[in-house]
């Protein structure tokens, strides 16, 4: 009786140990949580960048310009040290020169620099490629990783802006840009972008509150139609387009922590956004954004 009891207890104990070990192994082998500094791929382009990017267009770049070069350079280097390699700029922001100074000393091949070209005025309508050459000179780089048509507003933009698409494709063939795309304002332009496979990357306004998201006509203060916009973004992503989310915190209008959490959680868990860009005014805001993203991603 005693030996049988001992044997049964031994077998029970061994099974418990094995089960516990198996669970531990599965937990140990589980994928680590996603983070703000992960390198992610934009759609099917094969181009990689950090999940979080540093934006330079807050209030059309005024916030970053007011920082001054020294503080902005400190921000970019602090971001790189934390694993953030994506910098977002545009001709309209007038921050190309600031980016050029800020990236000095950083390995260019590890950075993802995205800029944008306006389409509605000269000299861009005269010679887009010449203006791209100016962009590259101002940024101090032989190539930009992504060039976007900035702020398309009409459903007819793929036909209306064919010259820009052709110019961007030519620049891509020369190695002056890696990928090309568009940012849209309004559902008419957004829906046209969905089925236009010339677009490899789309910069889209996304937040849970639909604040400054795409609506009926693309005007800045119109009510955003979140559900309609997200339907288009999901369809784009399914076609292999890369999607970068912007306006996550409502152009800075979401000042309460709960609102910022809600907006951030929505874009990070929607399933069709590859990366996000947030305009920042210093290292403290950088660290706050990374911490918020990491917490939300860990909870997802």
C-alpha atoms as a PDB file:
ATOM      1  CA  UNK A   1       0.000   0.000   0.000  1.00  0.00           C
ATOM      2  CA  UNK A   2       2.751   2.353   0.986  1.00  0.00           C
ATOM      3  CA  UNK A   3       4.831   1.679  -2.115  1.00  0.00           C
ATOM      4  CA  UNK A   4       1.772   1.965  -4.414  1.00  0.00           C
ATOM      5  CA  UNK A   5       0.829   5.286  -2.830  1.00  0.00           C
ATOM      6  CA  UNK A   6       4.356   6.554  -3.246  1.00  0.00           C
ATOM      7  CA  UNK A   7       4.395   5.509  -6.879  1.00  0.00           C
ATOM      8  CA  UNK A   8       1.071   7.213  -7.577  1.00  0.00           C
ATOM      9  CA  UNK A   9       2.262  10.391  -5.879  1.00  0.00           C
ATOM     10  CA  UNK A  10       5.489  10.262  -7.816  1.00  0.00           C
ATOM     11  CA  UNK A  11       3.667   9.925 -11.148  1.00  0.00           C
ATOM     12  CA  UNK A  12       1.259  12.731 -10.236  1.00  0.00           C
ATOM     13  CA  UNK A  13       4.116  14.970  -9.183  1.00  0.00           C
ATOM     14  CA  UNK A  14       6.062  14.196 -12.362  1.00  0.00           C
ATOM     15  CA  UNK A  15       3.056  14.998 -14.538  1.00  0.00           C
ATOM     16  CA  UNK A  16       2.592  18.311 -12.736  1.00  0.00           C
ATOM     17  CA  UNK A  17       6.235  19.216 -13.251  1.00  0.00           C
ATOM     18  CA  UNK A  18       6.055  18.283 -16.937  1.00  0.00           C
ATOM     19  CA  UNK A  19       2.863  20.300 -17.439  1.00  0.00           C
ATOM     20  CA  UNK A  20       4.348  23.295 -15.685  1.00  0.00           C
ATOM     21  CA  UNK A  21       7.520  23.010 -17.727  1.00  0.00           C
ATOM     22  CA  UNK A  22       5.485  22.799 -20.946  1.00  0.00           C
ATOM     23  CA  UNK A  23       3.500  25.898 -20.060  1.00  0.00           C
ATOM     24  CA  UNK A  24       6.690  27.690 -19.135  1.00  0.00           C
ATOM     25  CA  UNK A  25       8.274  26.737 -22.433  1.00  0.00           C
ATOM     26  CA  UNK A  26       5.270  27.998 -24.367  1.00  0.00           C
ATOM     27  CA  UNK A  27       5.312  31.280 -22.455  1.00  0.00           C
ATOM     28  CA  UNK A  28       9.048  31.609 -22.935  1.00  0.00           C
ATOM     29  CA  UNK A  29       8.611  30.951 -26.657  1.00  0.00           C
ATOM     30  CA  UNK A  30       5.794  33.439 -27.086  1.00  0.00           C
ATOM     31  CA  UNK A  31       6.381  36.407 -29.353  1.00  0.00           C
ATOM     32  CA  UNK A  32       7.455  39.496 -27.425  1.00  0.00           C
ATOM     33  CA  UNK A  33       4.981  42.380 -27.347  1.00  0.00           C
ATOM     34  CA  UNK A  34       5.153  44.904 -30.147  1.00  0.00           C
ATOM     35  CA  UNK A  35       6.812  48.219 -29.346  1.00  0.00           C
ATOM     36  CA  UNK A  36       7.044  51.741 -30.703  1.00  0.00           C
ATOM     37  CA  UNK A  37      10.599  51.124 -31.878  1.00  0.00           C
ATOM     38  CA  UNK A  38       9.997  47.892 -33.812  1.00  0.00           C
ATOM     39  CA  UNK A  39      11.102  47.873 -37.427  1.00  0.00           C
ATOM     40  CA  UNK A  40       8.004  47.220 -39.544  1.00  0.00           C
ATOM     41  CA  UNK A  41       7.370  46.768 -43.264  1.00  0.00           C
ATOM     42  CA  UNK A  42       5.160  49.141 -45.246  1.00  0.00           C
ATOM     43  CA  UNK A  43       2.584  46.981 -46.982  1.00  0.00           C
ATOM     44  CA  UNK A  44       4.189  44.822 -49.646  1.00  0.00           C
ATOM     45  CA  UNK A  45       6.868  47.370 -50.522  1.00  0.00           C
ATOM     46  CA  UNK A  46       9.608  45.625 -48.551  1.00  0.00           C
ATOM     47  CA  UNK A  47      10.674  49.011 -47.162  1.00  0.00           C
ATOM     48  CA  UNK A  48      11.138  49.055 -43.393  1.00  0.00           C
ATOM     49  CA  UNK A  49      10.917  51.833 -40.832  1.00  0.00           C
ATOM     50  CA  UNK A  50      10.286  52.220 -37.117  1.00  0.00           C
ATOM     51  CA  UNK A  51       6.662  51.849 -36.025  1.00  0.00           C
ATOM     52  CA  UNK A  52       6.801  55.366 -34.551  1.00  0.00           C
ATOM     53  CA  UNK A  53       8.039  58.320 -36.548  1.00  0.00           C
ATOM     54  CA  UNK A  54       9.051  61.869 -35.638  1.00  0.00           C
ATOM     55  CA  UNK A  55       6.775  64.389 -37.327  1.00  0.00           C
ATOM     56  CA  UNK A  56       7.925  67.878 -38.306  1.00  0.00           C
ATOM     57  CA  UNK A  57       4.573  69.277 -39.390  1.00  0.00           C
ATOM     58  CA  UNK A  58       2.839  70.329 -36.167  1.00  0.00           C
ATOM     59  CA  UNK A  59       0.854  73.445 -37.052  1.00  0.00           C
ATOM     60  CA  UNK A  60       2.414  73.187 -40.496  1.00  0.00           C
ATOM     61  CA  UNK A  61       5.890  72.905 -38.981  1.00  0.00           C
ATOM     62  CA  UNK A  62       5.694  75.969 -36.743  1.00  0.00           C
ATOM     63  CA  UNK A  63       6.095  73.943 -33.537  1.00  0.00           C
ATOM     64  CA  UNK A  64       9.288  72.284 -34.754  1.00  0.00           C
ATOM     65  CA  UNK A  65      10.707  75.489 -36.251  1.00  0.00           C
ATOM     66  CA  UNK A  66      10.110  77.283 -32.947  1.00  0.00           C
ATOM     67  CA  UNK A  67      12.167  74.604 -31.163  1.00  0.00           C
ATOM     68  CA  UNK A  68      15.303  75.873 -32.859  1.00  0.00           C
ATOM     69  CA  UNK A  69      17.951  73.720 -34.517  1.00  0.00           C
ATOM     70  CA  UNK A  70      19.786  72.652 -31.370  1.00  0.00           C
ATOM     71  CA  UNK A  71      16.696  71.337 -29.600  1.00  0.00           C
ATOM     72  CA  UNK A  72      15.389  69.700 -32.768  1.00  0.00           C
ATOM     73  CA  UNK A  73      18.712  67.958 -33.374  1.00  0.00           C
ATOM     74  CA  UNK A  74      18.676  66.746 -29.778  1.00  0.00           C
ATOM     75  CA  UNK A  75      15.188  65.317 -30.334  1.00  0.00           C
ATOM     76  CA  UNK A  76      16.159  63.468 -33.523  1.00  0.00           C
ATOM     77  CA  UNK A  77      19.302  61.984 -31.964  1.00  0.00           C
ATOM     78  CA  UNK A  78      17.417  60.959 -28.816  1.00  0.00           C
ATOM     79  CA  UNK A  79      14.801  59.287 -31.013  1.00  0.00           C
ATOM     80  CA  UNK A  80      17.478  57.411 -32.958  1.00  0.00           C
ATOM     81  CA  UNK A  81      19.145  56.253 -29.751  1.00  0.00           C
ATOM     82  CA  UNK A  82      15.794  54.787 -28.672  1.00  0.00           C
ATOM     83  CA  UNK A  83      15.346  52.986 -31.986  1.00  0.00           C
ATOM     84  CA  UNK A  84      13.222  55.436 -33.986  1.00  0.00           C
ATOM     85  CA  UNK A  85      14.463  55.750 -37.560  1.00  0.00           C
ATOM     86  CA  UNK A  86      11.504  57.403 -39.313  1.00  0.00           C
ATOM     87  CA  UNK A  87      11.462  61.174 -39.866  1.00  0.00           C
ATOM     88  CA  UNK A  88       8.502  62.808 -41.628  1.00  0.00           C
ATOM     89  CA  UNK A  89       8.763  66.185 -43.333  1.00  0.00           C
ATOM     90  CA  UNK A  90       7.371  68.155 -46.291  1.00  0.00           C
ATOM     91  CA  UNK A  91       8.213  71.139 -48.443  1.00  0.00           C
ATOM     92  CA  UNK A  92       5.260  72.997 -46.922  1.00  0.00           C
ATOM     93  CA  UNK A  93       6.654  72.583 -43.398  1.00  0.00           C
ATOM     94  CA  UNK A  94       9.912  74.389 -44.241  1.00  0.00           C
ATOM     95  CA  UNK A  95      11.848  71.896 -42.133  1.00  0.00           C
ATOM     96  CA  UNK A  96      14.026  70.223 -44.764  1.00  0.00           C
ATOM     97  CA  UNK A  97      17.065  72.194 -43.644  1.00  0.00           C
ATOM     98  CA  UNK A  98      16.442  71.342 -40.002  1.00  0.00           C
ATOM     99  CA  UNK A  99      16.284  67.647 -40.863  1.00  0.00           C
ATOM    100  CA  UNK A 100      19.539  67.944 -42.846  1.00  0.00           C
ATOM    101  CA  UNK A 101      21.374  69.313 -39.818  1.00  0.00           C
ATOM    102  CA  UNK A 102      19.707  66.929 -37.392  1.00  0.00           C
ATOM    103  CA  UNK A 103      20.701  63.729 -39.216  1.00  0.00           C
ATOM    104  CA  UNK A 104      24.385  64.619 -39.457  1.00  0.00           C
ATOM    105  CA  UNK A 105      26.362  61.870 -37.779  1.00  0.00           C
ATOM    106  CA  UNK A 106      23.566  59.305 -38.129  1.00  0.00           C
ATOM    107  CA  UNK A 107      23.836  56.392 -40.597  1.00  0.00           C
ATOM    108  CA  UNK A 108      21.727  57.408 -43.568  1.00  0.00           C
ATOM    109  CA  UNK A 109      21.023  53.826 -44.638  1.00  0.00           C
ATOM    110  CA  UNK A 110      19.256  53.158 -41.331  1.00  0.00           C
ATOM    111  CA  UNK A 111      16.926  56.148 -41.617  1.00  0.00           C
ATOM    112  CA  UNK A 112      13.549  56.411 -43.329  1.00  0.00           C
ATOM    113  CA  UNK A 113      12.951  59.983 -44.506  1.00  0.00           C
ATOM    114  CA  UNK A 114       9.578  60.823 -45.995  1.00  0.00           C
ATOM    115  CA  UNK A 115       8.756  64.141 -47.615  1.00  0.00           C
ATOM    116  CA  UNK A 116       5.844  65.513 -49.630  1.00  0.00           C
ATOM    117  CA  UNK A 117       5.397  67.643 -52.732  1.00  0.00           C
ATOM    118  CA  UNK A 118       2.526  70.112 -53.297  1.00  0.00           C
ATOM    119  CA  UNK A 119       0.794  69.818 -56.645  1.00  0.00           C
ATOM    120  CA  UNK A 120      -1.272  73.009 -56.900  1.00  0.00           C
ATOM    121  CA  UNK A 121       1.226  75.721 -57.813  1.00  0.00           C
ATOM    122  CA  UNK A 122       4.341  76.571 -59.733  1.00  0.00           C
ATOM    123  CA  UNK A 123       7.190  75.684 -59.867  1.00  0.00           C
ATOM    124  CA  UNK A 124       5.968  72.168 -59.003  1.00  0.00           C
ATOM    125  CA  UNK A 125       3.562  72.056 -61.926  1.00  0.00           C
ATOM    126  CA  UNK A 126       6.380  73.107 -64.266  1.00  0.00           C
ATOM    127  CA  UNK A 127       8.999  70.533 -63.315  1.00  0.00           C
ATOM    128  CA  UNK A 128       8.409  68.122 -60.391  1.00  0.00           C
ATOM    129  CA  UNK A 129      11.758  66.398 -60.887  1.00  0.00           C
ATOM    130  CA  UNK A 130      13.647  69.667 -60.577  1.00  0.00           C
ATOM    131  CA  UNK A 131      11.830  70.346 -57.319  1.00  0.00           C
ATOM    132  CA  UNK A 132      12.726  66.857 -56.077  1.00  0.00           C
ATOM    133  CA  UNK A 133      16.372  67.675 -56.776  1.00  0.00           C
ATOM    134  CA  UNK A 134      15.933  70.733 -54.563  1.00  0.00           C
ATOM    135  CA  UNK A 135      14.376  68.571 -51.848  1.00  0.00           C
ATOM    136  CA  UNK A 136      17.324  66.190 -51.921  1.00  0.00           C
ATOM    137  CA  UNK A 137      19.773  69.063 -51.715  1.00  0.00           C
ATOM    138  CA  UNK A 138      17.911  70.671 -48.822  1.00  0.00           C
ATOM    139  CA  UNK A 139      17.790  67.347 -46.979  1.00  0.00           C
ATOM    140  CA  UNK A 140      21.435  66.601 -47.712  1.00  0.00           C
ATOM    141  CA  UNK A 141      20.700  63.145 -49.114  1.00  0.00           C
ATOM    142  CA  UNK A 142      20.994  61.479 -52.517  1.00  0.00           C
ATOM    143  CA  UNK A 143      17.570  59.890 -52.156  1.00  0.00           C
ATOM    144  CA  UNK A 144      14.415  60.092 -50.087  1.00  0.00           C
ATOM    145  CA  UNK A 145      12.820  56.917 -48.851  1.00  0.00           C
ATOM    146  CA  UNK A 146       9.288  58.037 -49.644  1.00  0.00           C
ATOM    147  CA  UNK A 147       7.877  60.902 -51.675  1.00  0.00           C
ATOM    148  CA  UNK A 148       4.176  61.719 -51.461  1.00  0.00           C
ATOM    149  CA  UNK A 149       1.812  63.872 -53.458  1.00  0.00           C
ATOM    150  CA  UNK A 150       0.762  66.227 -50.678  1.00  0.00           C
ATOM    151  CA  UNK A 151      -2.911  66.696 -49.857  1.00  0.00           C
ATOM    152  CA  UNK A 152      -4.898  65.353 -52.780  1.00  0.00           C
ATOM    153  CA  UNK A 153      -8.508  66.511 -52.416  1.00  0.00           C
ATOM    154  CA  UNK A 154     -10.509  65.355 -55.447  1.00  0.00           C
ATOM    155  CA  UNK A 155     -11.769  61.981 -56.605  1.00  0.00           C
ATOM    156  CA  UNK A 156     -10.200  62.771 -59.975  1.00  0.00           C
ATOM    157  CA  UNK A 157      -6.689  63.268 -58.593  1.00  0.00           C
ATOM    158  CA  UNK A 158      -5.209  60.134 -60.259  1.00  0.00           C
ATOM    159  CA  UNK A 159      -6.052  61.633 -63.673  1.00  0.00           C
ATOM    160  CA  UNK A 160      -5.542  65.287 -62.756  1.00  0.00           C
ATOM    161  CA  UNK A 161      -2.093  64.646 -61.269  1.00  0.00           C
ATOM    162  CA  UNK A 162      -0.844  62.106 -63.798  1.00  0.00           C
ATOM    163  CA  UNK A 163       2.201  64.271 -64.481  1.00  0.00           C
ATOM    164  CA  UNK A 164       3.279  63.988 -60.862  1.00  0.00           C
ATOM    165  CA  UNK A 165       2.762  60.244 -60.833  1.00  0.00           C
ATOM    166  CA  UNK A 166       4.870  59.853 -63.969  1.00  0.00           C
ATOM    167  CA  UNK A 167       7.594  62.088 -62.534  1.00  0.00           C
ATOM    168  CA  UNK A 168       7.702  60.159 -59.250  1.00  0.00           C
ATOM    169  CA  UNK A 169       7.908  56.866 -61.145  1.00  0.00           C
ATOM    170  CA  UNK A 170      10.826  58.214 -63.185  1.00  0.00           C
ATOM    171  CA  UNK A 171      12.577  59.371 -60.020  1.00  0.00           C
ATOM    172  CA  UNK A 172      12.061  55.930 -58.521  1.00  0.00           C
ATOM    173  CA  UNK A 173      13.632  54.278 -61.562  1.00  0.00           C
ATOM    174  CA  UNK A 174      16.687  56.536 -61.080  1.00  0.00           C
ATOM    175  CA  UNK A 175      17.005  55.662 -57.387  1.00  0.00           C
ATOM    176  CA  UNK A 176      16.112  59.160 -56.219  1.00  0.00           C
ATOM    177  CA  UNK A 177      13.153  57.818 -54.241  1.00  0.00           C
ATOM    178  CA  UNK A 178      12.492  54.335 -52.892  1.00  0.00           C
ATOM    179  CA  UNK A 179       8.694  54.336 -52.747  1.00  0.00           C
ATOM    180  CA  UNK A 180       5.931  56.757 -53.714  1.00  0.00           C
ATOM    181  CA  UNK A 181       2.444  57.595 -52.590  1.00  0.00           C
ATOM    182  CA  UNK A 182      -0.085  60.198 -51.537  1.00  0.00           C
ATOM    183  CA  UNK A 183      -1.727  61.887 -48.599  1.00  0.00           C
ATOM    184  CA  UNK A 184      -5.430  62.641 -49.038  1.00  0.00           C
ATOM    185  CA  UNK A 185      -7.835  65.095 -47.472  1.00  0.00           C
ATOM    186  CA  UNK A 186     -11.430  63.962 -47.806  1.00  0.00           C
ATOM    187  CA  UNK A 187     -13.251  60.789 -48.770  1.00  0.00           C
ATOM    188  CA  UNK A 188     -13.433  61.617 -52.494  1.00  0.00           C
ATOM    189  CA  UNK A 189      -9.638  61.586 -52.783  1.00  0.00           C
ATOM    190  CA  UNK A 190      -9.270  58.696 -50.359  1.00  0.00           C
ATOM    191  CA  UNK A 191     -11.606  56.403 -52.273  1.00  0.00           C
ATOM    192  CA  UNK A 192      -9.725  57.136 -55.495  1.00  0.00           C
ATOM    193  CA  UNK A 193      -6.451  56.171 -53.808  1.00  0.00           C
ATOM    194  CA  UNK A 194      -7.807  52.809 -52.675  1.00  0.00           C
ATOM    195  CA  UNK A 195      -7.771  51.216 -56.120  1.00  0.00           C
ATOM    196  CA  UNK A 196      -4.793  53.160 -57.510  1.00  0.00           C
ATOM    197  CA  UNK A 197      -1.895  50.732 -57.237  1.00  0.00           C
ATOM    198  CA  UNK A 198       0.594  53.391 -58.283  1.00  0.00           C
ATOM    199  CA  UNK A 199       0.292  54.255 -54.574  1.00  0.00           C
ATOM    200  CA  UNK A 200       2.771  52.258 -52.506  1.00  0.00           C
ATOM    201  CA  UNK A 201       2.362  54.202 -49.278  1.00  0.00           C
ATOM    202  CA  UNK A 202      -0.500  56.298 -47.979  1.00  0.00           C
ATOM    203  CA  UNK A 203      -0.296  58.848 -45.169  1.00  0.00           C
ATOM    204  CA  UNK A 204      -3.748  58.873 -43.583  1.00  0.00           C
ATOM    205  CA  UNK A 205      -5.515  60.738 -40.785  1.00  0.00           C
ATOM    206  CA  UNK A 206      -6.630  58.231 -38.149  1.00  0.00           C
ATOM    207  CA  UNK A 207      -7.999  58.578 -34.625  1.00  0.00           C
ATOM    208  CA  UNK A 208     -10.885  57.089 -32.672  1.00  0.00           C
ATOM    209  CA  UNK A 209     -12.670  60.427 -32.344  1.00  0.00           C
ATOM    210  CA  UNK A 210     -12.651  61.114 -36.130  1.00  0.00           C
ATOM    211  CA  UNK A 211     -11.131  64.527 -35.357  1.00  0.00           C
ATOM    212  CA  UNK A 212      -9.702  66.025 -38.571  1.00  0.00           C
ATOM    213  CA  UNK A 213     -10.267  62.690 -40.296  1.00  0.00           C
ATOM    214  CA  UNK A 214     -11.482  62.426 -43.867  1.00  0.00           C
ATOM    215  CA  UNK A 215     -15.056  63.496 -44.468  1.00  0.00           C
ATOM    216  CA  UNK A 216     -17.326  64.505 -47.307  1.00  0.00           C
ATOM    217  CA  UNK A 217     -15.156  67.138 -48.985  1.00  0.00           C
ATOM    218  CA  UNK A 218     -11.785  67.283 -47.213  1.00  0.00           C
ATOM    219  CA  UNK A 219     -12.117  70.658 -45.531  1.00  0.00           C
ATOM    220  CA  UNK A 220     -10.077  70.980 -42.367  1.00  0.00           C
ATOM    221  CA  UNK A 221     -12.894  71.459 -39.867  1.00  0.00           C
ATOM    222  CA  UNK A 222     -15.494  69.135 -41.387  1.00  0.00           C
ATOM    223  CA  UNK A 223     -16.838  66.191 -39.339  1.00  0.00           C
ATOM    224  CA  UNK A 224     -14.723  63.153 -40.125  1.00  0.00           C
ATOM    225  CA  UNK A 225     -16.377  59.925 -41.206  1.00  0.00           C
ATOM    226  CA  UNK A 226     -14.286  57.397 -39.313  1.00  0.00           C
ATOM    227  CA  UNK A 227     -16.083  54.263 -40.440  1.00  0.00           C
ATOM    228  CA  UNK A 228     -16.012  55.194 -44.114  1.00  0.00           C
ATOM    229  CA  UNK A 229     -12.351  56.208 -43.957  1.00  0.00           C
ATOM    230  CA  UNK A 230     -11.322  53.021 -42.139  1.00  0.00           C
ATOM    231  CA  UNK A 231     -13.169  50.929 -44.720  1.00  0.00           C
ATOM    232  CA  UNK A 232     -11.021  52.507 -47.443  1.00  0.00           C
ATOM    233  CA  UNK A 233      -7.788  52.110 -45.480  1.00  0.00           C
ATOM    234  CA  UNK A 234      -8.545  48.445 -44.817  1.00  0.00           C
ATOM    235  CA  UNK A 235      -9.145  47.894 -48.530  1.00  0.00           C
ATOM    236  CA  UNK A 236      -5.899  49.701 -49.404  1.00  0.00           C
ATOM    237  CA  UNK A 237      -3.931  47.590 -46.957  1.00  0.00           C
ATOM    238  CA  UNK A 238      -5.473  44.408 -48.348  1.00  0.00           C
ATOM    239  CA  UNK A 239      -4.163  45.456 -51.778  1.00  0.00           C
ATOM    240  CA  UNK A 240      -0.640  45.745 -50.347  1.00  0.00           C
ATOM    241  CA  UNK A 241      -0.456  49.508 -49.868  1.00  0.00           C
ATOM    242  CA  UNK A 242       1.578  50.644 -46.873  1.00  0.00           C
ATOM    243  CA  UNK A 243      -0.406  52.777 -44.431  1.00  0.00           C
ATOM    244  CA  UNK A 244       1.077  55.376 -42.073  1.00  0.00           C
ATOM    245  CA  UNK A 245      -1.302  56.951 -39.569  1.00  0.00           C
ATOM    246  CA  UNK A 246      -1.158  60.654 -38.707  1.00  0.00           C
ATOM    247  CA  UNK A 247      -3.276  63.056 -36.617  1.00  0.00           C
ATOM    248  CA  UNK A 248      -3.369  60.405 -33.884  1.00  0.00           C
ATOM    249  CA  UNK A 249      -3.870  62.986 -31.178  1.00  0.00           C
ATOM    250  CA  UNK A 250      -6.117  65.249 -33.240  1.00  0.00           C
ATOM    251  CA  UNK A 251      -3.387  67.616 -34.417  1.00  0.00           C
ATOM    252  CA  UNK A 252      -2.446  68.066 -30.749  1.00  0.00           C
ATOM    253  CA  UNK A 253      -6.010  68.907 -29.700  1.00  0.00           C
ATOM    254  CA  UNK A 254      -6.282  65.823 -27.472  1.00  0.00           C
ATOM    255  CA  UNK A 255      -4.603  67.116 -24.327  1.00  0.00           C
ATOM    256  CA  UNK A 256      -6.256  64.761 -21.821  1.00  0.00           C
ATOM    257  CA  UNK A 257      -4.445  61.479 -21.187  1.00  0.00           C
ATOM    258  CA  UNK A 258      -7.643  59.438 -21.614  1.00  0.00           C
ATOM    259  CA  UNK A 259      -8.310  60.979 -25.033  1.00  0.00           C
ATOM    260  CA  UNK A 260      -4.750  60.385 -26.167  1.00  0.00           C
ATOM    261  CA  UNK A 261      -4.922  56.766 -24.973  1.00  0.00           C
ATOM    262  CA  UNK A 262      -8.221  56.234 -26.808  1.00  0.00           C
ATOM    263  CA  UNK A 263      -6.876  57.687 -30.033  1.00  0.00           C
ATOM    264  CA  UNK A 264      -3.593  55.790 -29.834  1.00  0.00           C
ATOM    265  CA  UNK A 265      -5.241  52.473 -28.981  1.00  0.00           C
ATOM    266  CA  UNK A 266      -7.595  52.764 -31.929  1.00  0.00           C
ATOM    267  CA  UNK A 267      -4.867  53.233 -34.528  1.00  0.00           C
ATOM    268  CA  UNK A 268      -2.517  50.637 -33.030  1.00  0.00           C
ATOM    269  CA  UNK A 269      -5.168  47.924 -32.924  1.00  0.00           C
ATOM    270  CA  UNK A 270      -7.160  48.663 -36.094  1.00  0.00           C
ATOM    271  CA  UNK A 271      -5.181  46.097 -38.074  1.00  0.00           C
ATOM    272  CA  UNK A 272      -4.501  48.134 -41.209  1.00  0.00           C
ATOM    273  CA  UNK A 273      -1.943  50.743 -40.107  1.00  0.00           C
ATOM    274  CA  UNK A 274       1.730  49.780 -40.396  1.00  0.00           C
ATOM    275  CA  UNK A 275       3.352  52.788 -38.716  1.00  0.00           C
ATOM    276  CA  UNK A 276       2.401  56.109 -37.156  1.00  0.00           C
ATOM    277  CA  UNK A 277       3.871  59.602 -37.039  1.00  0.00           C
ATOM    278  CA  UNK A 278       3.506  62.056 -34.176  1.00  0.00           C
ATOM    279  CA  UNK A 279       4.685  65.659 -34.158  1.00  0.00           C
ATOM    280  CA  UNK A 280       6.788  66.320 -31.056  1.00  0.00           C
ATOM    281  CA  UNK A 281       8.230  69.367 -29.341  1.00  0.00           C
ATOM    282  CA  UNK A 282      11.027  67.767 -27.356  1.00  0.00           C
ATOM    283  CA  UNK A 283      12.563  64.694 -25.746  1.00  0.00           C
ATOM    284  CA  UNK A 284      10.052  64.623 -22.883  1.00  0.00           C
ATOM    285  CA  UNK A 285       7.164  64.321 -25.346  1.00  0.00           C
ATOM    286  CA  UNK A 286       9.107  61.693 -27.260  1.00  0.00           C
ATOM    287  CA  UNK A 287       9.507  59.540 -24.149  1.00  0.00           C
ATOM    288  CA  UNK A 288       5.868  60.048 -23.187  1.00  0.00           C
ATOM    289  CA  UNK A 289       4.740  58.898 -26.632  1.00  0.00           C
ATOM    290  CA  UNK A 290       6.999  55.832 -26.606  1.00  0.00           C
ATOM    291  CA  UNK A 291       5.791  54.856 -23.135  1.00  0.00           C
ATOM    292  CA  UNK A 292       2.127  55.263 -24.116  1.00  0.00           C
ATOM    293  CA  UNK A 293       2.566  53.228 -27.290  1.00  0.00           C
ATOM    294  CA  UNK A 294       4.480  50.470 -25.528  1.00  0.00           C
ATOM    295  CA  UNK A 295       1.856  50.184 -22.816  1.00  0.00           C
ATOM    296  CA  UNK A 296      -1.016  50.036 -25.284  1.00  0.00           C
ATOM    297  CA  UNK A 297       0.778  47.513 -27.503  1.00  0.00           C
ATOM    298  CA  UNK A 298       1.565  45.312 -24.500  1.00  0.00           C
ATOM    299  CA  UNK A 299      -2.094  45.319 -23.475  1.00  0.00           C
ATOM    300  CA  UNK A 300      -3.405  44.622 -26.975  1.00  0.00           C
END
